[in-house]
Amino acid sequence: MRPTTHEYDTELLYNGEVVTLGGMVYRGRTVLSPGPDMFLPLERWAQSVADQLSGPVSWRAISEGEVVREGTMHPAP
C-alpha cells in the first residue's frame, strides 16, 4: 500500500522576500510524506539556501491559504 502524502504551497524567504537565485524562484508546490520528519526536506532546502546567502532563510508550508508550518534556518558557522 502506498503511504498518504500531502501537497503544500511552499516558499523560501530572505529579508521578507521570496528567494530568487540564478533566475530560479523558490516558490512552488511540494509533496511531503506524513511523519515526525515531514517538514525536514523544507528545513534542509532552507538551510542550503541560508548557507549560500550567508543569512537566515525562512520557509513556509501553506495549505488552503493557511500556513501549516514555518521555520527559519541560519547559515552554518
C-alpha atoms as a PDB file:
ATOM      1  CA  MET A   1       0.000   0.000   0.000  1.00  0.00           C
ATOM      2  CA  ARG A   2       1.284   3.477  -0.870  1.00  0.00           C
ATOM      3  CA  PRO A   3       1.657   5.925   2.044  1.00  0.00           C
ATOM      4  CA  THR A   4      -0.522   9.010   2.125  1.00  0.00           C
ATOM      5  CA  THR A   5       1.167  12.217   1.021  1.00  0.00           C
ATOM      6  CA  HIS A   6       0.276  15.869   1.440  1.00  0.00           C
ATOM      7  CA  GLU A   7       0.850  18.632  -1.095  1.00  0.00           C
ATOM      8  CA  TYR A   8       1.660  22.161   0.067  1.00  0.00           C
ATOM      9  CA  ASP A   9       2.387  25.527  -1.462  1.00  0.00           C
ATOM     10  CA  THR A  10       5.927  26.240  -0.283  1.00  0.00           C
ATOM     11  CA  GLU A  11       8.305  29.162  -0.384  1.00  0.00           C
ATOM     12  CA  LEU A  12      11.654  30.323   0.913  1.00  0.00           C
ATOM     13  CA  LEU A  13      12.016  33.903   2.143  1.00  0.00           C
ATOM     14  CA  TYR A  14      15.095  36.078   2.653  1.00  0.00           C
ATOM     15  CA  ASN A  15      14.588  39.532   4.177  1.00  0.00           C
ATOM     16  CA  GLY A  16      10.833  39.008   3.786  1.00  0.00           C
ATOM     17  CA  GLU A  17      11.023  38.418   0.022  1.00  0.00           C
ATOM     18  CA  VAL A  18      10.729  35.172  -1.929  1.00  0.00           C
ATOM     19  CA  VAL A  19      14.243  33.956  -2.746  1.00  0.00           C
ATOM     20  CA  THR A  20      15.384  34.152  -6.363  1.00  0.00           C
ATOM     21  CA  LEU A  21      18.811  32.709  -7.213  1.00  0.00           C
ATOM     22  CA  GLY A  22      20.158  32.391 -10.725  1.00  0.00           C
ATOM     23  CA  GLY A  23      16.727  33.148 -12.171  1.00  0.00           C
ATOM     24  CA  MET A  24      15.102  30.385 -10.109  1.00  0.00           C
ATOM     25  CA  VAL A  25      12.207  31.453  -7.870  1.00  0.00           C
ATOM     26  CA  TYR A  26      11.998  29.430  -4.652  1.00  0.00           C
ATOM     27  CA  ARG A  27       8.207  29.124  -4.522  1.00  0.00           C
ATOM     28  CA  GLY A  28       6.105  26.207  -5.682  1.00  0.00           C
ATOM     29  CA  ARG A  29       4.288  23.015  -4.708  1.00  0.00           C
ATOM     30  CA  THR A  30       5.902  20.306  -2.596  1.00  0.00           C
ATOM     31  CA  VAL A  31       4.641  16.793  -1.852  1.00  0.00           C
ATOM     32  CA  LEU A  32       5.576  15.553   1.633  1.00  0.00           C
ATOM     33  CA  SER A  33       5.037  12.231   3.395  1.00  0.00           C
ATOM     34  CA  PRO A  34       3.459  12.368   6.860  1.00  0.00           C
ATOM     35  CA  GLY A  35       5.507  11.559   9.927  1.00  0.00           C
ATOM     36  CA  PRO A  36       7.728  13.169  12.526  1.00  0.00           C
ATOM     37  CA  ASP A  37      10.196  14.339   9.844  1.00  0.00           C
ATOM     38  CA  MET A  38       7.522  15.541   7.425  1.00  0.00           C
ATOM     39  CA  PHE A  39       8.925  19.061   7.061  1.00  0.00           C
ATOM     40  CA  LEU A  40      12.607  18.079   7.199  1.00  0.00           C
ATOM     41  CA  PRO A  41      13.018  18.436   3.405  1.00  0.00           C
ATOM     42  CA  LEU A  42      11.923  22.081   3.671  1.00  0.00           C
ATOM     43  CA  GLU A  43      14.323  22.679   6.561  1.00  0.00           C
ATOM     44  CA  ARG A  44      17.186  21.189   4.522  1.00  0.00           C
ATOM     45  CA  TRP A  45      16.219  23.240   1.485  1.00  0.00           C
ATOM     46  CA  ALA A  46      16.175  26.438   3.562  1.00  0.00           C
ATOM     47  CA  GLN A  47      19.476  25.511   5.247  1.00  0.00           C
ATOM     48  CA  SER A  48      21.182  25.075   1.898  1.00  0.00           C
ATOM     49  CA  VAL A  49      19.963  28.468   0.693  1.00  0.00           C
ATOM     50  CA  ALA A  50      20.829  30.147   4.030  1.00  0.00           C
ATOM     51  CA  ASP A  51      24.385  28.848   3.631  1.00  0.00           C
ATOM     52  CA  GLN A  52      24.546  30.233   0.073  1.00  0.00           C
ATOM     53  CA  LEU A  53      23.176  33.643   1.083  1.00  0.00           C
ATOM     54  CA  SER A  54      25.069  33.816   4.408  1.00  0.00           C
ATOM     55  CA  GLY A  55      21.886  34.895   6.146  1.00  0.00           C
ATOM     56  CA  PRO A  56      18.709  33.495   7.703  1.00  0.00           C
ATOM     57  CA  VAL A  57      16.141  31.977   5.348  1.00  0.00           C
ATOM     58  CA  SER A  58      12.558  31.275   6.370  1.00  0.00           C
ATOM     59  CA  TRP A  59      10.401  28.539   4.886  1.00  0.00           C
ATOM     60  CA  ARG A  60       6.620  28.078   4.823  1.00  0.00           C
ATOM     61  CA  ALA A  61       4.244  25.252   4.019  1.00  0.00           C
ATOM     62  CA  ILE A  62       0.759  26.509   3.135  1.00  0.00           C
ATOM     63  CA  SER A  63      -2.444  24.527   2.619  1.00  0.00           C
ATOM     64  CA  GLU A  64      -5.767  26.044   1.585  1.00  0.00           C
ATOM     65  CA  GLY A  65      -4.370  29.536   2.163  1.00  0.00           C
ATOM     66  CA  GLU A  66      -3.272  28.839   5.746  1.00  0.00           C
ATOM     67  CA  VAL A  67       0.311  28.469   6.971  1.00  0.00           C
ATOM     68  CA  VAL A  68       0.579  24.904   8.271  1.00  0.00           C
ATOM     69  CA  ARG A  69       4.211  25.084   9.408  1.00  0.00           C
ATOM     70  CA  GLU A  70       7.071  27.530   9.078  1.00  0.00           C
ATOM     71  CA  GLY A  71      10.582  27.944  10.340  1.00  0.00           C
ATOM     72  CA  THR A  72      13.842  29.807   9.900  1.00  0.00           C
ATOM     73  CA  MET A  73      17.245  28.326   9.202  1.00  0.00           C
ATOM     74  CA  HIS A  74      20.510  30.169   9.861  1.00  0.00           C
ATOM     75  CA  PRO A  75      23.759  29.741   7.950  1.00  0.00           C
ATOM     76  CA  ALA A  76      26.205  27.246   9.362  1.00  0.00           C
ATOM     77  CA  PRO A  77      29.028  28.896  11.340  1.00  0.00           C
END
